[in-house]
C-alpha atoms as a PDB file:
ATOM      1  CA  UNK A   1       0.249  -0.147   0.276  1.00  0.00           C
ATOM      2  CA  UNK A   2       1.301   3.005  -0.920  1.00  0.00           C
ATOM      3  CA  UNK A   3       1.251   5.525   2.078  1.00  0.00           C
ATOM      4  CA  UNK A   4       2.893   8.662   0.695  1.00  0.00           C
ATOM      5  CA  UNK A   5       2.908   9.179  -2.755  1.00  0.00           C
ATOM      6  CA  UNK A   6       5.444  10.377  -5.703  1.00  0.00           C
ATOM      7  CA  UNK A   7       5.426  13.996  -6.543  1.00  0.00           C
ATOM      8  CA  UNK A   8       7.398  15.951  -8.821  1.00  0.00           C
ATOM      9  CA  UNK A   9      10.432  17.300  -6.647  1.00  0.00           C
ATOM     10  CA  UNK A  10      10.469  20.641  -5.675  1.00  0.00           C
ATOM     11  CA  UNK A  11      13.513  21.630  -7.108  1.00  0.00           C
ATOM     12  CA  UNK A  12      12.674  19.991 -10.969  1.00  0.00           C
ATOM     13  CA  UNK A  13       9.622  23.006 -10.496  1.00  0.00           C
ATOM     14  CA  UNK A  14      11.786  25.341  -9.044  1.00  0.00           C
ATOM     15  CA  UNK A  15      14.719  24.717 -12.111  1.00  0.00           C
ATOM     16  CA  UNK A  16      12.182  24.581 -14.682  1.00  0.00           C
ATOM     17  CA  UNK A  17      10.640  28.249 -13.503  1.00  0.00           C
ATOM     18  CA  UNK A  18      14.365  29.193 -13.484  1.00  0.00           C
ATOM     19  CA  UNK A  19      15.125  27.893 -16.561  1.00  0.00           C
ATOM     20  CA  UNK A  20      12.006  29.570 -18.178  1.00  0.00           C
ATOM     21  CA  UNK A  21      12.499  32.627 -16.483  1.00  0.00           C
ATOM     22  CA  UNK A  22      15.979  33.060 -16.902  1.00  0.00           C
ATOM     23  CA  UNK A  23      17.238  34.803 -20.407  1.00  0.00           C
ATOM     24  CA  UNK A  24      18.811  32.497 -23.625  1.00  0.00           C
ATOM     25  CA  UNK A  25      22.183  34.159 -23.060  1.00  0.00           C
ATOM     26  CA  UNK A  26      22.498  34.646 -19.183  1.00  0.00           C
ATOM     27  CA  UNK A  27      25.751  32.747 -18.366  1.00  0.00           C
ATOM     28  CA  UNK A  28      23.671  30.483 -15.817  1.00  0.00           C
ATOM     29  CA  UNK A  29      21.898  29.168 -18.447  1.00  0.00           C
ATOM     30  CA  UNK A  30      24.127  26.259 -19.615  1.00  0.00           C
ATOM     31  CA  UNK A  31      24.349  24.746 -16.012  1.00  0.00           C
ATOM     32  CA  UNK A  32      20.513  25.572 -15.024  1.00  0.00           C
ATOM     33  CA  UNK A  33      19.528  23.095 -17.974  1.00  0.00           C
ATOM     34  CA  UNK A  34      22.410  20.487 -16.958  1.00  0.00           C
ATOM     35  CA  UNK A  35      21.204  20.553 -13.004  1.00  0.00           C
ATOM     36  CA  UNK A  36      17.273  19.987 -14.500  1.00  0.00           C
ATOM     37  CA  UNK A  37      18.394  17.431 -17.116  1.00  0.00           C
ATOM     38  CA  UNK A  38      19.843  15.554 -14.046  1.00  0.00           C
ATOM     39  CA  UNK A  39      16.775  16.079 -11.489  1.00  0.00           C
ATOM     40  CA  UNK A  40      14.638  15.325 -14.223  1.00  0.00           C
ATOM     41  CA  UNK A  41      16.796  12.132 -15.175  1.00  0.00           C
ATOM     42  CA  UNK A  42      16.696  10.637 -10.959  1.00  0.00           C
ATOM     43  CA  UNK A  43      13.229  11.292 -10.919  1.00  0.00           C
ATOM     44  CA  UNK A  44      12.508   9.427 -13.904  1.00  0.00           C
ATOM     45  CA  UNK A  45      14.441   6.867 -12.715  1.00  0.00           C
ATOM     46  CA  UNK A  46      12.393   6.785  -8.827  1.00  0.00           C
ATOM     47  CA  UNK A  47       9.098   6.605 -10.878  1.00  0.00           C
ATOM     48  CA  UNK A  48      10.164   3.701 -13.323  1.00  0.00           C
ATOM     49  CA  UNK A  49      10.312   1.658  -9.679  1.00  0.00           C
ATOM     50  CA  UNK A  50       6.545   2.351  -9.319  1.00  0.00           C
ATOM     51  CA  UNK A  51       5.671  -0.512 -11.342  1.00  0.00           C
ATOM     52  CA  UNK A  52       7.625  -3.423  -9.881  1.00  0.00           C
ATOM     53  CA  UNK A  53       7.029  -2.429  -6.391  1.00  0.00           C
ATOM     54  CA  UNK A  54       3.304  -2.674  -7.366  1.00  0.00           C
ATOM     55  CA  UNK A  55       3.584  -6.590  -7.636  1.00  0.00           C
ATOM     56  CA  UNK A  56       4.199  -6.264  -3.847  1.00  0.00           C
ATOM     57  CA  UNK A  57       0.895  -7.294  -1.829  1.00  0.00           C
ATOM     58  CA  UNK A  58      -0.540  -4.246  -0.561  1.00  0.00           C
ATOM     59  CA  UNK A  59      -1.831  -6.053   2.654  1.00  0.00           C
ATOM     60  CA  UNK A  60       1.741  -6.643   3.386  1.00  0.00           C
ATOM     61  CA  UNK A  61       3.874  -3.947   2.120  1.00  0.00           C
ATOM     62  CA  UNK A  62       3.862  -0.229   3.239  1.00  0.00           C
ATOM     63  CA  UNK A  63       5.386   2.489   1.086  1.00  0.00           C
ATOM     64  CA  UNK A  64       6.821   5.871   1.545  1.00  0.00           C
ATOM     65  CA  UNK A  65       8.309   8.055  -1.497  1.00  0.00           C
ATOM     66  CA  UNK A  66      10.986  10.710  -0.836  1.00  0.00           C
ATOM     67  CA  UNK A  67      11.334  11.284   2.954  1.00  0.00           C
ATOM     68  CA  UNK A  68      13.821  13.550   4.177  1.00  0.00           C
ATOM     69  CA  UNK A  69      14.286  13.280   7.948  1.00  0.00           C
ATOM     70  CA  UNK A  70      16.064  14.941  10.945  1.00  0.00           C
ATOM     71  CA  UNK A  71      18.435  12.099  13.109  1.00  0.00           C
ATOM     72  CA  UNK A  72      19.458  15.611  15.429  1.00  0.00           C
ATOM     73  CA  UNK A  73      22.462  15.452  14.087  1.00  0.00           C
ATOM     74  CA  UNK A  74      21.986  15.759   9.757  1.00  0.00           C
ATOM     75  CA  UNK A  75      18.939  15.427   7.406  1.00  0.00           C
ATOM     76  CA  UNK A  76      19.008  12.345   5.373  1.00  0.00           C
ATOM     77  CA  UNK A  77      16.925  11.365   2.357  1.00  0.00           C
ATOM     78  CA  UNK A  78      15.494   8.199   1.050  1.00  0.00           C
ATOM     79  CA  UNK A  79      14.525   7.769  -2.051  1.00  0.00           C
ATOM     80  CA  UNK A  80      11.992   4.797  -1.009  1.00  0.00           C
ATOM     81  CA  UNK A  81      10.949   3.283   2.167  1.00  0.00           C
ATOM     82  CA  UNK A  82       9.240  -0.003   2.401  1.00  0.00           C
ATOM     83  CA  UNK A  83       7.775  -1.110   5.377  1.00  0.00           C
ATOM     84  CA  UNK A  84       6.302  -4.664   6.876  1.00  0.00           C
ATOM     85  CA  UNK A  85       5.976  -6.059   9.895  1.00  0.00           C
ATOM     86  CA  UNK A  86       9.440  -8.116   9.589  1.00  0.00           C
ATOM     87  CA  UNK A  87      11.691  -5.335   8.644  1.00  0.00           C
ATOM     88  CA  UNK A  88      12.251  -1.855   6.953  1.00  0.00           C
ATOM     89  CA  UNK A  89      13.899  -1.691   3.570  1.00  0.00           C
ATOM     90  CA  UNK A  90      15.812   1.535   2.127  1.00  0.00           C
ATOM     91  CA  UNK A  91      15.640   2.021  -1.820  1.00  0.00           C
ATOM     92  CA  UNK A  92      18.194   4.116  -3.156  1.00  0.00           C
ATOM     93  CA  UNK A  93      17.821   4.731  -7.075  1.00  0.00           C
ATOM     94  CA  UNK A  94      20.134   5.068  -9.358  1.00  0.00           C
ATOM     95  CA  UNK A  95      19.597   6.057 -13.186  1.00  0.00           C
ATOM     96  CA  UNK A  96      22.814   6.023 -14.262  1.00  0.00           C
ATOM     97  CA  UNK A  97      23.508   4.173 -18.331  1.00  0.00           C
ATOM     98  CA  UNK A  98      26.768   2.371 -19.545  1.00  0.00           C
ATOM     99  CA  UNK A  99      28.630   0.138 -17.634  1.00  0.00           C
ATOM    100  CA  UNK A 100      28.033   0.632 -14.157  1.00  0.00           C
ATOM    101  CA  UNK A 101      31.479  -0.490 -11.959  1.00  0.00           C
ATOM    102  CA  UNK A 102      31.384  -0.873  -8.206  1.00  0.00           C
ATOM    103  CA  UNK A 103      34.792  -0.402  -7.423  1.00  0.00           C
ATOM    104  CA  UNK A 104      35.208  -1.453  -3.287  1.00  0.00           C
ATOM    105  CA  UNK A 105      39.039  -0.863  -3.059  1.00  0.00           C
ATOM    106  CA  UNK A 106      38.271   2.864  -3.493  1.00  0.00           C
ATOM    107  CA  UNK A 107      34.788   2.900  -2.982  1.00  0.00           C
ATOM    108  CA  UNK A 108      33.374   4.779  -6.078  1.00  0.00           C
ATOM    109  CA  UNK A 109      31.264   4.240  -8.527  1.00  0.00           C
ATOM    110  CA  UNK A 110      32.408   4.024 -11.972  1.00  0.00           C
ATOM    111  CA  UNK A 111      30.216   4.661 -15.094  1.00  0.00           C
ATOM    112  CA  UNK A 112      32.004   3.800 -18.573  1.00  0.00           C
ATOM    113  CA  UNK A 113      30.429   4.722 -21.969  1.00  0.00           C
ATOM    114  CA  UNK A 114      32.239   3.965 -25.235  1.00  0.00           C
ATOM    115  CA  UNK A 115      35.733   5.198 -24.461  1.00  0.00           C
ATOM    116  CA  UNK A 116      34.923   7.478 -21.661  1.00  0.00           C
ATOM    117  CA  UNK A 117      35.044   7.193 -17.616  1.00  0.00           C
ATOM    118  CA  UNK A 118      33.231   9.236 -15.245  1.00  0.00           C
ATOM    119  CA  UNK A 119      33.027   8.830 -11.531  1.00  0.00           C
ATOM    120  CA  UNK A 120      30.393   9.207  -8.920  1.00  0.00           C
ATOM    121  CA  UNK A 121      30.221   8.486  -5.107  1.00  0.00           C
ATOM    122  CA  UNK A 122      29.748   5.208  -3.872  1.00  0.00           C
ATOM    123  CA  UNK A 123      25.547   4.283  -3.312  1.00  0.00           C
ATOM    124  CA  UNK A 124      26.721   1.642  -1.394  1.00  0.00           C
ATOM    125  CA  UNK A 125      28.402   4.173   1.490  1.00  0.00           C
ATOM    126  CA  UNK A 126      25.171   6.371   0.933  1.00  0.00           C
ATOM    127  CA  UNK A 127      23.098   2.920   1.220  1.00  0.00           C
ATOM    128  CA  UNK A 128      24.792   2.197   4.483  1.00  0.00           C
ATOM    129  CA  UNK A 129      24.805   5.536   6.405  1.00  0.00           C
ATOM    130  CA  UNK A 130      20.732   5.920   5.858  1.00  0.00           C
ATOM    131  CA  UNK A 131      20.773   2.760   7.461  1.00  0.00           C
ATOM    132  CA  UNK A 132      22.846   4.048  10.593  1.00  0.00           C
ATOM    133  CA  UNK A 133      21.142   7.654  10.782  1.00  0.00           C
ATOM    134  CA  UNK A 134      17.252   5.437  10.024  1.00  0.00           C
ATOM    135  CA  UNK A 135      18.198   3.236  13.204  1.00  0.00           C
ATOM    136  CA  UNK A 136      19.084   6.310  15.231  1.00  0.00           C
ATOM    137  CA  UNK A 137      15.901   8.499  14.018  1.00  0.00           C
ATOM    138  CA  UNK A 138      14.043   5.193  15.667  1.00  0.00           C
ATOM    139  CA  UNK A 139      15.748   5.308  18.800  1.00  0.00           C
ATOM    140  CA  UNK A 140      15.607   9.316  19.420  1.00  0.00           C
ATOM    141  CA  UNK A 141      11.578   8.615  18.584  1.00  0.00           C
ATOM    142  CA  UNK A 142      11.602   5.648  21.149  1.00  0.00           C
ATOM    143  CA  UNK A 143      10.315   3.441  18.038  1.00  0.00           C
ATOM    144  CA  UNK A 144      10.049  -0.020  18.232  1.00  0.00           C
ATOM    145  CA  UNK A 145      13.799  -1.518  17.240  1.00  0.00           C
ATOM    146  CA  UNK A 146      13.130  -3.475  13.257  1.00  0.00           C
ATOM    147  CA  UNK A 147      15.878  -4.819  10.944  1.00  0.00           C
ATOM    148  CA  UNK A 148      16.985  -2.089   8.347  1.00  0.00           C
ATOM    149  CA  UNK A 149      17.834  -3.391   5.172  1.00  0.00           C
ATOM    150  CA  UNK A 150      18.428  -1.260   1.807  1.00  0.00           C
ATOM    151  CA  UNK A 151      19.699  -1.991  -1.986  1.00  0.00           C
ATOM    152  CA  UNK A 152      21.008   0.627  -4.145  1.00  0.00           C
ATOM    153  CA  UNK A 153      18.101  -0.300  -7.035  1.00  0.00           C
ATOM    154  CA  UNK A 154      19.825   0.630 -10.685  1.00  0.00           C
ATOM    155  CA  UNK A 155      16.453   1.772 -12.899  1.00  0.00           C
ATOM    156  CA  UNK A 156      18.441   1.335 -16.081  1.00  0.00           C
ATOM    157  CA  UNK A 157      17.610  -2.111 -17.240  1.00  0.00           C
ATOM    158  CA  UNK A 158      20.135  -2.096 -20.225  1.00  0.00           C
ATOM    159  CA  UNK A 159      22.815  -0.773 -17.599  1.00  0.00           C
ATOM    160  CA  UNK A 160      25.736  -3.097 -16.973  1.00  0.00           C
ATOM    161  CA  UNK A 161      26.555  -4.011 -13.984  1.00  0.00           C
ATOM    162  CA  UNK A 162      30.148  -5.057 -12.819  1.00  0.00           C
ATOM    163  CA  UNK A 163      32.724  -5.326  -9.515  1.00  0.00           C
ATOM    164  CA  UNK A 164      36.321  -4.745  -9.242  1.00  0.00           C
ATOM    165  CA  UNK A 165      38.155  -6.828  -8.383  1.00  0.00           C
ATOM    166  CA  UNK A 166      36.794  -9.616  -9.108  1.00  0.00           C
ATOM    167  CA  UNK A 167      36.457 -11.371  -5.715  1.00  0.00           C
ATOM    168  CA  UNK A 168      34.446  -8.509  -4.142  1.00  0.00           C
ATOM    169  CA  UNK A 169      30.924  -8.704  -4.912  1.00  0.00           C
ATOM    170  CA  UNK A 170      28.107  -6.792  -3.525  1.00  0.00           C
ATOM    171  CA  UNK A 171      25.750  -8.121  -5.363  1.00  0.00           C
ATOM    172  CA  UNK A 172      23.391  -8.667  -1.764  1.00  0.00           C
ATOM    173  CA  UNK A 173      22.919  -4.640  -2.199  1.00  0.00           C
ATOM    174  CA  UNK A 174      22.949  -4.131  -5.690  1.00  0.00           C
ATOM    175  CA  UNK A 175      19.773  -5.355  -8.093  1.00  0.00           C
ATOM    176  CA  UNK A 176      18.362  -3.982 -11.447  1.00  0.00           C
ATOM    177  CA  UNK A 177      14.799  -2.568 -10.914  1.00  0.00           C
ATOM    178  CA  UNK A 178      12.893  -5.860 -12.579  1.00  0.00           C
ATOM    179  CA  UNK A 179      14.115  -8.310 -10.355  1.00  0.00           C
ATOM    180  CA  UNK A 180      13.126  -5.889  -7.149  1.00  0.00           C
ATOM    181  CA  UNK A 181      10.333  -7.890  -6.358  1.00  0.00           C
ATOM    182  CA  UNK A 182      12.131 -11.169  -5.946  1.00  0.00           C
ATOM    183  CA  UNK A 183      14.856  -9.837  -4.106  1.00  0.00           C
ATOM    184  CA  UNK A 184      12.392  -8.482  -1.587  1.00  0.00           C
ATOM    185  CA  UNK A 185      10.962 -11.475  -1.418  1.00  0.00           C
ATOM    186  CA  UNK A 186      14.346 -13.191  -0.790  1.00  0.00           C
ATOM    187  CA  UNK A 187      14.646 -10.622   2.261  1.00  0.00           C
ATOM    188  CA  UNK A 188      11.534 -11.762   3.376  1.00  0.00           C
ATOM    189  CA  UNK A 189      12.770 -15.045   3.837  1.00  0.00           C
ATOM    190  CA  UNK A 190      15.602 -13.627   5.467  1.00  0.00           C
ATOM    191  CA  UNK A 191      13.963 -11.515   7.992  1.00  0.00           C
ATOM    192  CA  UNK A 192      10.504 -13.962   8.618  1.00  0.00           C
ATOM    193  CA  UNK A 193      10.204 -13.226  12.279  1.00  0.00           C
ATOM    194  CA  UNK A 194       7.488 -10.774  12.865  1.00  0.00           C
ATOM    195  CA  UNK A 195       9.465  -7.897  15.068  1.00  0.00           C
ATOM    196  CA  UNK A 196       6.404  -5.363  15.527  1.00  0.00           C
ATOM    197  CA  UNK A 197       2.639  -5.390  15.638  1.00  0.00           C
ATOM    198  CA  UNK A 198       0.028  -3.678  13.618  1.00  0.00           C
ATOM    199  CA  UNK A 199      -0.128  -1.086  15.976  1.00  0.00           C
ATOM    200  CA  UNK A 200       3.462  -0.381  15.867  1.00  0.00           C
ATOM    201  CA  UNK A 201       3.905  -0.263  12.301  1.00  0.00           C
ATOM    202  CA  UNK A 202       1.480   2.297  12.015  1.00  0.00           C
ATOM    203  CA  UNK A 203       3.046   4.410  14.692  1.00  0.00           C
ATOM    204  CA  UNK A 204       6.226   4.273  12.959  1.00  0.00           C
ATOM    205  CA  UNK A 205       4.204   5.483   9.998  1.00  0.00           C
ATOM    206  CA  UNK A 206       2.802   8.269  11.680  1.00  0.00           C
ATOM    207  CA  UNK A 207       5.858   9.600  12.627  1.00  0.00           C
ATOM    208  CA  UNK A 208       7.544   9.042   9.185  1.00  0.00           C
ATOM    209  CA  UNK A 209       5.191  11.054   7.597  1.00  0.00           C
ATOM    210  CA  UNK A 210       4.919  13.689  10.832  1.00  0.00           C
ATOM    211  CA  UNK A 211       8.909  14.411  10.669  1.00  0.00           C
ATOM    212  CA  UNK A 212       9.139  14.580   6.967  1.00  0.00           C
ATOM    213  CA  UNK A 213      10.678  18.040   5.764  1.00  0.00           C
ATOM    214  CA  UNK A 214      10.901  18.785   2.408  1.00  0.00           C
ATOM    215  CA  UNK A 215      14.052  20.586   1.260  1.00  0.00           C
ATOM    216  CA  UNK A 216      13.392  24.032   0.477  1.00  0.00           C
ATOM    217  CA  UNK A 217      16.206  26.259  -0.587  1.00  0.00           C
ATOM    218  CA  UNK A 218      16.317  29.719  -2.262  1.00  0.00           C
ATOM    219  CA  UNK A 219      16.972  28.627  -6.210  1.00  0.00           C
ATOM    220  CA  UNK A 220      18.233  32.582  -6.904  1.00  0.00           C
ATOM    221  CA  UNK A 221      20.733  32.049  -3.828  1.00  0.00           C
ATOM    222  CA  UNK A 222      22.184  28.483  -5.601  1.00  0.00           C
ATOM    223  CA  UNK A 223      22.849  30.171  -8.283  1.00  0.00           C
ATOM    224  CA  UNK A 224      24.057  33.425  -7.315  1.00  0.00           C
ATOM    225  CA  UNK A 225      20.911  35.657  -8.653  1.00  0.00           C
ATOM    226  CA  UNK A 226      19.219  38.109  -8.559  1.00  0.00           C
ATOM    227  CA  UNK A 227      14.971  38.750  -9.231  1.00  0.00           C
ATOM    228  CA  UNK A 228      16.454  41.432 -11.303  1.00  0.00           C
ATOM    229  CA  UNK A 229      17.993  39.113 -13.711  1.00  0.00           C
ATOM    230  CA  UNK A 230      14.484  37.269 -14.234  1.00  0.00           C
ATOM    231  CA  UNK A 231      12.318  37.389 -17.352  1.00  0.00           C
ATOM    232  CA  UNK A 232       9.207  39.524 -16.205  1.00  0.00           C
ATOM    233  CA  UNK A 233       5.513  39.309 -17.601  1.00  0.00           C
ATOM    234  CA  UNK A 234       3.019  36.498 -17.958  1.00  0.00           C
ATOM    235  CA  UNK A 235       3.979  33.294 -20.174  1.00  0.00           C
ATOM    236  CA  UNK A 236       1.986  30.605 -21.976  1.00  0.00           C
ATOM    237  CA  UNK A 237       0.336  27.784 -20.491  1.00  0.00           C
ATOM    238  CA  UNK A 238       0.875  25.774 -23.691  1.00  0.00           C
ATOM    239  CA  UNK A 239       3.996  26.948 -25.502  1.00  0.00           C
ATOM    240  CA  UNK A 240       5.531  28.754 -22.534  1.00  0.00           C
ATOM    241  CA  UNK A 241       6.169  32.181 -25.051  1.00  0.00           C
ATOM    242  CA  UNK A 242       6.690  35.259 -23.061  1.00  0.00           C
ATOM    243  CA  UNK A 243       5.275  37.767 -22.376  1.00  0.00           C
ATOM    244  CA  UNK A 244       1.784  37.185 -23.221  1.00  0.00           C
ATOM    245  CA  UNK A 245      -0.871  40.224 -23.359  1.00  0.00           C
ATOM    246  CA  UNK A 246      -4.321  40.854 -21.349  1.00  0.00           C
ATOM    247  CA  UNK A 247      -6.747  41.596 -24.119  1.00  0.00           C
ATOM    248  CA  UNK A 248     -10.592  42.377 -23.284  1.00  0.00           C
ATOM    249  CA  UNK A 249     -10.189  40.372 -19.767  1.00  0.00           C
ATOM    250  CA  UNK A 250      -7.936  37.196 -20.836  1.00  0.00           C
ATOM    251  CA  UNK A 251      -4.364  36.708 -21.906  1.00  0.00           C
ATOM    252  CA  UNK A 252      -3.503  35.641 -25.641  1.00  0.00           C
ATOM    253  CA  UNK A 253      -0.337  34.571 -26.485  1.00  0.00           C
ATOM    254  CA  UNK A 254       0.786  36.238 -30.189  1.00  0.00           C
ATOM    255  CA  UNK A 255       3.292  32.343 -30.683  1.00  0.00           C
ATOM    256  CA  UNK A 256       0.092  29.721 -30.086  1.00  0.00           C
ATOM    257  CA  UNK A 257      -3.073  32.116 -30.469  1.00  0.00           C
ATOM    258  CA  UNK A 258      -4.027  30.372 -27.055  1.00  0.00           C
ATOM    259  CA  UNK A 259      -6.511  32.157 -24.889  1.00  0.00           C
ATOM    260  CA  UNK A 260      -6.463  31.811 -21.381  1.00  0.00           C
ATOM    261  CA  UNK A 261      -8.023  33.759 -18.410  1.00  0.00           C
ATOM    262  CA  UNK A 262      -6.046  32.088 -16.040  1.00  0.00           C
ATOM    263  CA  UNK A 263      -2.612  32.132 -17.072  1.00  0.00           C
ATOM    264  CA  UNK A 264      -1.630  34.432 -14.878  1.00  0.00           C
ATOM    265  CA  UNK A 265      -2.146  31.766 -11.900  1.00  0.00           C
ATOM    266  CA  UNK A 266       1.099  29.521 -13.795  1.00  0.00           C
ATOM    267  CA  UNK A 267       3.288  32.938 -13.805  1.00  0.00           C
ATOM    268  CA  UNK A 268       2.284  33.962  -9.587  1.00  0.00           C
ATOM    269  CA  UNK A 269       3.336  30.240  -9.198  1.00  0.00           C
ATOM    270  CA  UNK A 270       7.050  31.189 -11.011  1.00  0.00           C
ATOM    271  CA  UNK A 271       7.060  33.752  -8.471  1.00  0.00           C
ATOM    272  CA  UNK A 272       6.143  31.496  -5.625  1.00  0.00           C
ATOM    273  CA  UNK A 273       9.058  29.158  -6.805  1.00  0.00           C
ATOM    274  CA  UNK A 274      11.640  31.454  -7.447  1.00  0.00           C
ATOM    275  CA  UNK A 275      10.949  34.486  -5.101  1.00  0.00           C
ATOM    276  CA  UNK A 276       8.873  33.965  -2.228  1.00  0.00           C
ATOM    277  CA  UNK A 277       5.232  32.889  -0.792  1.00  0.00           C
ATOM    278  CA  UNK A 278       4.142  36.692  -0.212  1.00  0.00           C
ATOM    279  CA  UNK A 279       3.479  39.388  -2.698  1.00  0.00           C
ATOM    280  CA  UNK A 280       2.537  43.272  -2.634  1.00  0.00           C
ATOM    281  CA  UNK A 281       0.397  44.833  -5.396  1.00  0.00           C
ATOM    282  CA  UNK A 282       3.544  46.567  -6.312  1.00  0.00           C
ATOM    283  CA  UNK A 283       5.668  43.437  -6.765  1.00  0.00           C
ATOM    284  CA  UNK A 284       2.788  41.709  -8.565  1.00  0.00           C
ATOM    285  CA  UNK A 285       2.209  44.340 -10.963  1.00  0.00           C
ATOM    286  CA  UNK A 286       6.176  44.284 -11.873  1.00  0.00           C
ATOM    287  CA  UNK A 287       6.301  40.620 -11.842  1.00  0.00           C
ATOM    288  CA  UNK A 288       3.666  40.193 -14.122  1.00  0.00           C
ATOM    289  CA  UNK A 289       4.117  43.558 -16.333  1.00  0.00           C
ATOM    290  CA  UNK A 290       1.021  44.947 -15.491  1.00  0.00           C
ATOM    291  CA  UNK A 291       0.166  49.037 -15.303  1.00  0.00           C
ATOM    292  CA  UNK A 292      -3.140  49.011 -13.043  1.00  0.00           C
ATOM    293  CA  UNK A 293      -3.209  48.540  -9.860  1.00  0.00           C
ATOM    294  CA  UNK A 294      -6.855  48.075  -9.781  1.00  0.00           C
ATOM    295  CA  UNK A 295      -6.620  44.932 -12.421  1.00  0.00           C
ATOM    296  CA  UNK A 296      -3.694  43.683  -9.956  1.00  0.00           C
ATOM    297  CA  UNK A 297      -5.878  43.988  -6.972  1.00  0.00           C
ATOM    298  CA  UNK A 298      -9.057  42.128  -8.742  1.00  0.00           C
ATOM    299  CA  UNK A 299      -6.237  39.113  -9.589  1.00  0.00           C
ATOM    300  CA  UNK A 300      -5.217  39.280  -5.874  1.00  0.00           C
ATOM    301  CA  UNK A 301      -8.542  38.752  -4.599  1.00  0.00           C
ATOM    302  CA  UNK A 302      -8.990  36.041  -6.840  1.00  0.00           C
ATOM    303  CA  UNK A 303      -6.777  34.536  -5.422  1.00  0.00           C
ATOM    304  CA  UNK A 304      -8.920  33.642  -2.243  1.00  0.00           C
ATOM    305  CA  UNK A 305      -5.771  33.783  -0.157  1.00  0.00           C
ATOM    306  CA  UNK A 306      -4.674  35.685   3.046  1.00  0.00           C
ATOM    307  CA  UNK A 307      -3.004  38.650   4.055  1.00  0.00           C
ATOM    308  CA  UNK A 308      -1.965  41.344   5.883  1.00  0.00           C
ATOM    309  CA  UNK A 309      -1.849  44.672   6.748  1.00  0.00           C
ATOM    310  CA  UNK A 310      -3.845  47.741   4.939  1.00  0.00           C
ATOM    311  CA  UNK A 311      -3.876  49.456   1.555  1.00  0.00           C
ATOM    312  CA  UNK A 312      -0.170  49.451  -0.098  1.00  0.00           C
ATOM    313  CA  UNK A 313       1.545  48.139   2.731  1.00  0.00           C
ATOM    314  CA  UNK A 314      -1.152  44.965   2.106  1.00  0.00           C
ATOM    315  CA  UNK A 315       1.081  41.605   2.165  1.00  0.00           C
ATOM    316  CA  UNK A 316      -0.731  38.906   0.170  1.00  0.00           C
ATOM    317  CA  UNK A 317      -0.097  35.071   0.788  1.00  0.00           C
ATOM    318  CA  UNK A 318       0.022  33.037  -2.507  1.00  0.00           C
ATOM    319  CA  UNK A 319      -2.102  29.893  -2.082  1.00  0.00           C
ATOM    320  CA  UNK A 320       0.433  27.783  -3.724  1.00  0.00           C
ATOM    321  CA  UNK A 321       1.877  24.629  -2.531  1.00  0.00           C
ATOM    322  CA  UNK A 322       5.529  25.334  -1.294  1.00  0.00           C
END
């Protein structure tokens, strides 16, 4: 049973908005595009394990995606956590193409494509650390002690997995995504003794949901940019042309001829993702490039969001999920 559904990561949404709002000739565009591509690939890899996980019996397995917890010293991220009455399973998903060499001498992951080699951090170190942190988190919250297992899931079925040297074999911790249900069955046979009751399992799940803390950092600070460097105006919700125009109470795109009365909502979400969740009338006029204060006031009131202050000092909270 899926307890916490997988959603488009906040970093992906922020990078998409930043790419859309950054001038094409800006010096940061190449790195923004590269990081967006990597983030989308990672998200695609994570979603690719949903199908094999769907073969697990819902009454026995409880699944939470994209958890970020604090062990009272560090935050740690878990792509997917599978809970049962006999063990917990951490899944770290890697969407990397090519020949993957898990070097257990120098503890690194080497990706080979044609004649090119690229080094990545060792995901085995990562999952061992996650095991330790999750165990500490359970102890900190006075939750029942239960065995914790972990797997590195290679989401690309065409990736070739190797280890070096040949006599070191971490295969018990690495699995292709399509073999995941069978691997979990093997773990089920290994951890066959029930460790926690139904009540205790539900308590752990409640705490995991309660303590989940999404990472929400300023994307402009990350790339050392300011809001003045962004392209302003309302963008088309169909072709993303920017800026589009307001004609007779609706927004019109000169590129694809789309007419959309609510196109400003997507642009206000861009503002929320890139700048912040609060906005004044003058800030909205500036960002959407609207000259009329009364129109801006009508648009703000139509959001039905909360606000503080009076007249020109009034600050509205944008009703978009952070």
